[in-house]
């Protein structure tokens, strides 16, 4: 075969190959590249611990798995990112169970008012049978939930007009709540006047007295500077919320089993580290808020729960969640209805 003929044959053979076969992966490129998104600032313990997790994953897999973290809603709102997770545009995403409930109704069950008396009760349930049940429901929607939830915190009530010590103090109280039936129905059961307002508008709503108060974890009260327009913070701990570490099922299943185990192990390890961070942060935040002038009020928690029971709040939500889910919840925290 002449040199000219040989070159022609080689060129024809190369042209017949698929385009991807002509591209070689750089020697230092990861075999699997993923995106992880959250709605927390870069300095928040959730983001810090996720960055540590992805670094450990890269090292433990010998560089085969690389995950890029996109914090602080860089890839969109929570609902936007949930859609992206489902489509596969995002591979991992930490999301509140109360927001995930738009897709997985059972995911909001951890937000039932005054269900968990303390963090020991929270983690016993969410690391136990209740968490396992919710993960099963999440799995039916094409997502994978890691075993360990990340902490968002207990929610407390702030006010500019009155100290909330018991349920009677909430009668007629104008309070901002997130756009969620669970929040609205709970405060209506107390006889309050809940107003669904997006968080971006909370400060101005408090400042202009559209509402008298609001409810959020202490860390968010600090970050949003709500202490500037509020006088009291009542330590109701009326609702606990956490974040599920979610994965797109197709993306996660495409990983070899040994790599799946490494990814899950390191994400769960960082979830436990973040829980400890939030516990420490809560102590320092309380001291800072007191120094900024907020008056802390201890409350009669059993009286709040009794009021919800009498108003039919627990009975109504038992019907909505169903006997199975409610039975698991009460098996962890005791009888509510």
Protein backbone atom coordinates (compact mmCIF):
# COMPACT_ATOMS: atom_id res chain seq x y z
CA UNK A 1 0.00 0.00 0.00
CA UNK A 2 1.40 3.39 -0.91
CA UNK A 3 1.94 6.02 1.84
CA UNK A 4 -0.80 8.15 0.32
CA UNK A 5 -3.26 5.22 0.30
CA UNK A 6 -2.35 4.31 3.92
CA UNK A 7 -3.06 7.87 5.12
CA UNK A 8 -6.42 7.85 3.36
CA UNK A 9 -7.46 4.57 5.02
CA UNK A 10 -6.45 5.83 8.45
CA UNK A 11 -8.34 9.08 7.95
CA UNK A 12 -11.46 7.22 6.86
CA UNK A 13 -11.27 4.90 9.88
CA UNK A 14 -10.96 7.83 12.27
CA UNK A 15 -13.90 9.62 10.68
CA UNK A 16 -16.09 6.55 11.31
CA UNK A 17 -15.45 6.66 15.07
CA UNK A 18 -17.95 8.43 17.39
CA UNK A 19 -16.84 11.90 18.35
CA UNK A 20 -16.44 11.05 22.04
CA UNK A 21 -13.97 8.30 21.17
CA UNK A 22 -11.63 10.86 19.64
CA UNK A 23 -11.43 12.83 22.89
CA UNK A 24 -9.17 11.58 25.61
CA UNK A 25 -9.90 12.45 29.26
CA UNK A 26 -7.11 14.52 30.83
CA UNK A 27 -4.94 12.44 33.13
CA UNK A 28 -6.03 14.41 36.21
CA UNK A 29 -9.75 14.63 35.37
CA UNK A 30 -12.29 12.89 37.59
CA UNK A 31 -14.13 9.84 36.29
CA UNK A 32 -17.35 11.12 37.90
CA UNK A 33 -18.08 14.86 38.27
CA UNK A 34 -21.11 16.07 40.22
CA UNK A 35 -22.81 19.24 41.48
CA UNK A 36 -23.96 19.74 45.08
CA UNK A 37 -26.19 22.73 45.88
CA UNK A 38 -27.51 24.29 49.08
CA UNK A 39 -29.21 27.50 50.28
CA UNK A 40 -26.71 28.35 53.04
CA UNK A 41 -24.03 31.08 53.02
CA UNK A 42 -20.43 30.07 52.37
CA UNK A 43 -19.54 30.50 56.05
CA UNK A 44 -22.52 28.52 57.39
CA UNK A 45 -21.60 25.18 59.03
CA UNK A 46 -23.63 23.34 56.40
CA UNK A 47 -21.46 24.66 53.56
CA UNK A 48 -18.21 24.36 55.51
CA UNK A 49 -18.87 20.72 56.34
CA UNK A 50 -20.01 19.90 52.80
CA UNK A 51 -16.76 21.29 51.43
CA UNK A 52 -14.88 19.05 53.85
CA UNK A 53 -16.95 16.05 52.76
CA UNK A 54 -16.28 16.52 49.05
CA UNK A 55 -12.55 16.91 49.74
CA UNK A 56 -12.54 13.61 51.66
CA UNK A 57 -14.56 11.93 48.90
CA UNK A 58 -12.06 13.00 46.27
CA UNK A 59 -9.16 11.71 48.36
CA UNK A 60 -10.85 8.43 49.36
CA UNK A 61 -11.78 7.65 45.75
CA UNK A 62 -8.33 8.46 44.43
CA UNK A 63 -9.70 11.39 42.47
CA UNK A 64 -12.34 9.31 40.67
CA UNK A 65 -15.22 11.30 42.21
CA UNK A 66 -15.21 15.08 42.24
CA UNK A 67 -18.12 17.12 43.61
CA UNK A 68 -18.41 20.88 43.18
CA UNK A 69 -20.36 22.76 45.87
CA UNK A 70 -22.69 25.63 44.92
CA UNK A 71 -23.82 27.36 48.15
CA UNK A 72 -26.21 30.21 48.94
CA UNK A 73 -28.85 29.52 46.24
CA UNK A 74 -26.31 30.10 43.46
CA UNK A 75 -28.25 27.70 41.23
CA UNK A 76 -31.71 29.10 42.03
CA UNK A 77 -34.42 29.03 44.68
CA UNK A 78 -35.16 25.92 46.71
CA UNK A 79 -38.01 24.94 44.41
CA UNK A 80 -35.87 25.64 41.33
CA UNK A 81 -33.05 23.47 42.65
CA UNK A 82 -35.44 20.66 43.58
CA UNK A 83 -36.60 20.62 39.96
CA UNK A 84 -33.00 20.57 38.79
CA UNK A 85 -32.22 17.71 41.15
CA UNK A 86 -35.11 15.69 39.77
CA UNK A 87 -34.03 16.32 36.17
CA UNK A 88 -30.38 15.51 36.87
CA UNK A 89 -29.03 19.02 36.29
CA UNK A 90 -27.96 18.92 39.97
CA UNK A 91 -26.73 15.67 41.52
CA UNK A 92 -26.92 16.46 45.27
CA UNK A 93 -28.99 19.00 47.20
CA UNK A 94 -29.73 19.72 50.88
CA UNK A 95 -33.36 20.71 51.37
CA UNK A 96 -35.70 21.32 54.30
CA UNK A 97 -38.22 18.55 54.82
CA UNK A 98 -40.95 21.19 55.06
CA UNK A 99 -40.20 22.39 51.51
CA UNK A 100 -39.58 18.88 50.19
CA UNK A 101 -43.17 18.17 51.29
CA UNK A 102 -44.39 19.78 48.04
CA UNK A 103 -43.09 16.59 46.39
CA UNK A 104 -43.04 14.17 49.33
CA UNK A 105 -45.90 15.05 51.73
CA UNK A 106 -44.54 12.86 54.55
CA UNK A 107 -41.31 14.88 54.62
CA UNK A 108 -42.90 17.67 56.67
CA UNK A 109 -43.84 15.39 59.56
CA UNK A 110 -40.79 16.48 61.57
CA UNK A 111 -42.34 19.99 61.65
CA UNK A 112 -45.35 19.02 63.75
CA UNK A 113 -45.65 21.57 66.54
CA UNK A 114 -44.11 20.65 69.91
CA UNK A 115 -43.58 17.03 68.83
CA UNK A 116 -39.92 16.84 69.87
CA UNK A 117 -39.10 17.92 73.41
CA UNK A 118 -35.35 18.19 72.76
CA UNK A 119 -32.54 17.27 70.39
CA UNK A 120 -32.20 13.79 71.87
CA UNK A 121 -35.79 13.13 70.79
CA UNK A 122 -35.13 14.65 67.34
CA UNK A 123 -32.13 12.52 66.51
CA UNK A 124 -33.64 9.37 68.00
CA UNK A 125 -36.59 9.73 65.63
CA UNK A 126 -34.84 11.03 62.52
CA UNK A 127 -31.94 8.56 62.81
CA UNK A 128 -34.48 5.86 63.63
CA UNK A 129 -37.83 4.63 62.40
CA UNK A 130 -39.34 8.01 61.45
CA UNK A 131 -36.36 8.99 59.33
CA UNK A 132 -36.35 5.56 57.67
CA UNK A 133 -40.03 5.94 56.79
CA UNK A 134 -39.51 9.37 55.23
CA UNK A 135 -36.46 8.16 53.29
CA UNK A 136 -38.61 5.38 51.86
CA UNK A 137 -41.20 7.92 50.71
CA UNK A 138 -38.45 10.06 49.18
CA UNK A 139 -37.13 7.03 47.30
CA UNK A 140 -40.51 6.61 45.59
CA UNK A 141 -40.01 10.02 43.91
CA UNK A 142 -36.76 9.20 42.11
CA UNK A 143 -34.47 10.60 44.79
CA UNK A 144 -32.07 9.09 47.31
CA UNK A 145 -31.89 10.49 50.86
CA UNK A 146 -28.73 9.93 52.88
CA UNK A 147 -29.18 8.37 56.32
CA UNK A 148 -28.26 11.42 58.40
CA UNK A 149 -30.19 14.69 58.35
CA UNK A 150 -28.45 18.04 58.72
CA UNK A 151 -29.63 20.43 61.44
CA UNK A 152 -31.46 23.67 60.72
CA UNK A 153 -32.63 24.26 64.27
CA UNK A 154 -35.58 24.81 66.55
CA UNK A 155 -37.76 27.80 65.72
CA UNK A 156 -38.45 30.52 68.30
CA UNK A 157 -41.05 33.33 68.34
CA UNK A 158 -40.02 36.99 68.39
CA UNK A 159 -42.26 39.98 69.11
CA UNK A 160 -42.13 43.76 69.20
CA UNK A 161 -45.29 44.22 71.28
CA UNK A 162 -45.67 41.55 73.95
CA UNK A 163 -43.79 38.79 75.70
CA UNK A 164 -45.15 35.41 74.59
CA UNK A 165 -45.08 33.17 77.67
CA UNK A 166 -48.06 30.91 77.06
CA UNK A 167 -50.59 30.06 74.33
CA UNK A 168 -53.04 32.73 75.49
CA UNK A 169 -50.48 35.41 74.63
CA UNK A 170 -50.78 34.41 70.97
CA UNK A 171 -54.49 35.25 70.71
CA UNK A 172 -54.89 37.94 68.05
CA UNK A 173 -51.09 38.13 67.64
CA UNK A 174 -50.11 39.17 64.11
CA UNK A 175 -47.24 36.84 63.20
CA UNK A 176 -45.40 36.25 59.96
CA UNK A 177 -45.15 32.61 58.89
CA UNK A 178 -43.68 30.95 55.79
CA UNK A 179 -46.02 30.10 52.95
CA UNK A 180 -47.00 26.68 54.29
CA UNK A 181 -50.29 25.11 55.46
CA UNK A 182 -48.52 23.49 58.44
CA UNK A 183 -47.41 26.84 59.89
CA UNK A 184 -50.68 28.60 59.17
CA UNK A 185 -52.83 25.91 60.74
CA UNK A 186 -50.67 25.72 63.86
CA UNK A 187 -50.85 29.42 64.65
CA UNK A 188 -54.54 29.57 63.79
CA UNK A 189 -55.02 26.83 66.40
CA UNK A 190 -53.51 29.21 68.96
CA UNK A 191 -55.93 31.95 67.93
CA UNK A 192 -53.16 34.03 66.35
CA UNK A 193 -53.41 35.94 63.07
CA UNK A 194 -50.74 34.35 60.85
CA UNK A 195 -49.69 36.15 57.67
CA UNK A 196 -47.80 34.24 54.95
CA UNK A 197 -44.91 36.49 53.89
CA UNK A 198 -41.74 35.60 51.97
CA UNK A 199 -38.63 35.81 54.10
CA UNK A 200 -37.11 38.57 51.97
CA UNK A 201 -39.95 40.85 53.13
CA UNK A 202 -39.92 39.91 56.84
CA UNK A 203 -37.71 42.75 58.09
CA UNK A 204 -39.80 45.47 56.43
CA UNK A 205 -43.06 43.81 57.55
CA UNK A 206 -41.83 43.91 61.15
CA UNK A 207 -40.46 47.42 60.80
CA UNK A 208 -43.73 48.82 59.42
CA UNK A 209 -45.83 46.84 61.96
CA UNK A 210 -47.68 44.88 59.30
CA UNK A 211 -46.98 42.03 61.70
CA UNK A 212 -45.95 42.11 65.34
CA UNK A 213 -43.67 39.12 65.27
CA UNK A 214 -42.21 36.16 63.41
CA UNK A 215 -40.59 32.78 64.14
CA UNK A 216 -37.22 31.38 63.06
CA UNK A 217 -34.10 29.68 64.45
CA UNK A 218 -31.90 32.00 66.54
CA UNK A 219 -29.12 31.93 63.94
CA UNK A 220 -31.43 33.33 61.27
CA UNK A 221 -32.78 35.97 63.66
CA UNK A 222 -29.16 37.06 64.07
CA UNK A 223 -28.16 36.91 60.40
CA UNK A 224 -31.25 38.85 59.24
CA UNK A 225 -30.79 41.42 62.05
CA UNK A 226 -34.37 40.97 63.19
CA UNK A 227 -33.26 42.02 66.67
CA UNK A 228 -33.28 45.59 65.31
CA UNK A 229 -37.07 45.52 64.94
CA UNK A 230 -38.05 43.06 67.70
CA UNK A 231 -37.98 43.28 71.50
CA UNK A 232 -38.67 39.77 72.81
CA UNK A 233 -37.67 36.25 71.81
CA UNK A 234 -39.74 33.48 73.37
CA UNK A 235 -37.93 30.16 73.53
CA UNK A 236 -40.89 28.12 72.33
CA UNK A 237 -38.90 25.64 70.26
CA UNK A 238 -42.28 25.00 68.67
CA UNK A 239 -40.94 23.35 65.55
CA UNK A 240 -37.73 21.58 64.56
CA UNK A 241 -36.53 21.55 60.99
CA UNK A 242 -33.60 19.89 59.28
CA UNK A 243 -32.17 19.33 55.83
CA UNK A 244 -32.22 16.08 53.90
CA UNK A 245 -29.10 15.39 51.83
CA UNK A 246 -30.74 14.31 48.59
CA UNK A 247 -29.23 12.70 45.51
CA UNK A 248 -30.63 12.19 42.02
CA UNK A 249 -31.30 8.45 41.95
CA UNK A 250 -30.04 7.91 38.40
CA UNK A 251 -26.83 9.81 39.07
CA UNK A 252 -26.15 8.03 42.35
CA UNK A 253 -26.97 4.59 40.91
CA UNK A 254 -24.48 5.11 38.08
CA UNK A 255 -21.66 5.11 40.62
CA UNK A 256 -20.01 1.74 41.29
CA UNK A 257 -21.15 0.34 44.63
CA UNK A 258 -17.85 0.97 46.39
CA UNK A 259 -17.94 4.64 45.38
CA UNK A 260 -21.56 4.95 46.49
CA UNK A 261 -20.50 3.75 49.94
CA UNK A 262 -17.70 6.31 50.15
CA UNK A 263 -19.93 9.21 49.06
CA UNK A 264 -22.69 8.26 51.52
CA UNK A 265 -20.24 7.66 54.36
CA UNK A 266 -18.53 11.03 54.03
CA UNK A 267 -21.74 13.03 53.56
CA UNK A 268 -23.23 11.37 56.64
CA UNK A 269 -20.06 12.04 58.62
CA UNK A 270 -20.24 15.74 57.75
CA UNK A 271 -23.91 15.81 58.72
CA UNK A 272 -22.96 14.71 62.22
CA UNK A 273 -20.19 17.32 62.34
CA UNK A 274 -22.65 20.02 61.27
CA UNK A 275 -25.08 19.01 64.02
CA UNK A 276 -22.36 19.61 66.59
CA UNK A 277 -21.50 22.95 64.98
CA UNK A 278 -25.11 24.15 65.18
CA UNK A 279 -25.34 23.14 68.84
CA UNK A 280 -22.29 25.29 69.65
CA UNK A 281 -23.51 28.12 67.43
CA UNK A 282 -26.86 28.27 69.21
CA UNK A 283 -25.14 28.98 72.52
CA UNK A 284 -23.01 31.81 71.12
CA UNK A 285 -25.90 33.30 69.11
CA UNK A 286 -28.12 33.52 72.18
CA UNK A 287 -25.45 35.46 74.06
CA UNK A 288 -24.97 37.79 71.10
CA UNK A 289 -28.71 38.46 70.75
CA UNK A 290 -29.00 39.21 74.46
CA UNK A 291 -26.14 41.67 74.13
CA UNK A 292 -27.99 43.33 71.24
CA UNK A 293 -31.00 43.96 73.47
CA UNK A 294 -33.36 41.07 72.85
CA UNK A 295 -35.15 39.93 75.99
CA UNK A 296 -35.29 36.14 76.26
CA UNK A 297 -38.53 34.62 77.58
CA UNK A 298 -38.92 31.07 78.89
CA UNK A 299 -42.31 29.55 78.09
CA UNK A 300 -44.76 26.91 79.29
CA UNK A 301 -44.29 24.34 76.51
CA UNK A 302 -46.77 21.74 77.83
CA UNK A 303 -49.50 24.40 77.77
CA UNK A 304 -48.81 25.07 74.07
CA UNK A 305 -49.06 21.38 73.25
CA UNK A 306 -52.28 21.03 75.26
CA UNK A 307 -53.81 23.93 73.34
CA UNK A 308 -52.95 22.34 69.99
CA UNK A 309 -54.48 19.06 71.11
CA UNK A 310 -57.68 20.76 72.28
CA UNK A 311 -57.96 22.71 69.02
CA UNK A 312 -57.78 19.49 66.98
CA UNK A 313 -54.46 20.38 65.34
CA UNK A 314 -52.89 16.96 65.92
CA UNK A 315 -56.05 15.09 64.91
CA UNK A 316 -56.26 17.05 61.65
CA UNK A 317 -52.65 16.38 60.71
CA UNK A 318 -52.94 12.73 61.66
CA UNK A 319 -55.60 12.42 58.95
CA UNK A 320 -53.37 14.23 56.44
CA UNK A 321 -50.27 12.15 57.12
CA UNK A 322 -52.13 8.87 57.54
CA UNK A 323 -52.19 6.30 60.32
CA UNK A 324 -48.89 4.66 59.36
CA UNK A 325 -46.76 7.82 59.40
CA UNK A 326 -48.51 9.18 62.49
CA UNK A 327 -48.10 5.89 64.31
CA UNK A 328 -44.35 5.95 63.66
CA UNK A 329 -44.13 9.55 64.89
CA UNK A 330 -46.00 8.80 68.10
CA UNK A 331 -43.94 5.64 68.56
CA UNK A 332 -40.89 7.91 68.76
CA UNK A 333 -42.21 10.93 70.68
CA UNK A 334 -45.27 9.66 72.57
CA UNK A 335 -48.98 10.21 72.07
CA UNK A 336 -49.90 13.61 70.61
CA UNK A 337 -53.59 13.26 69.73
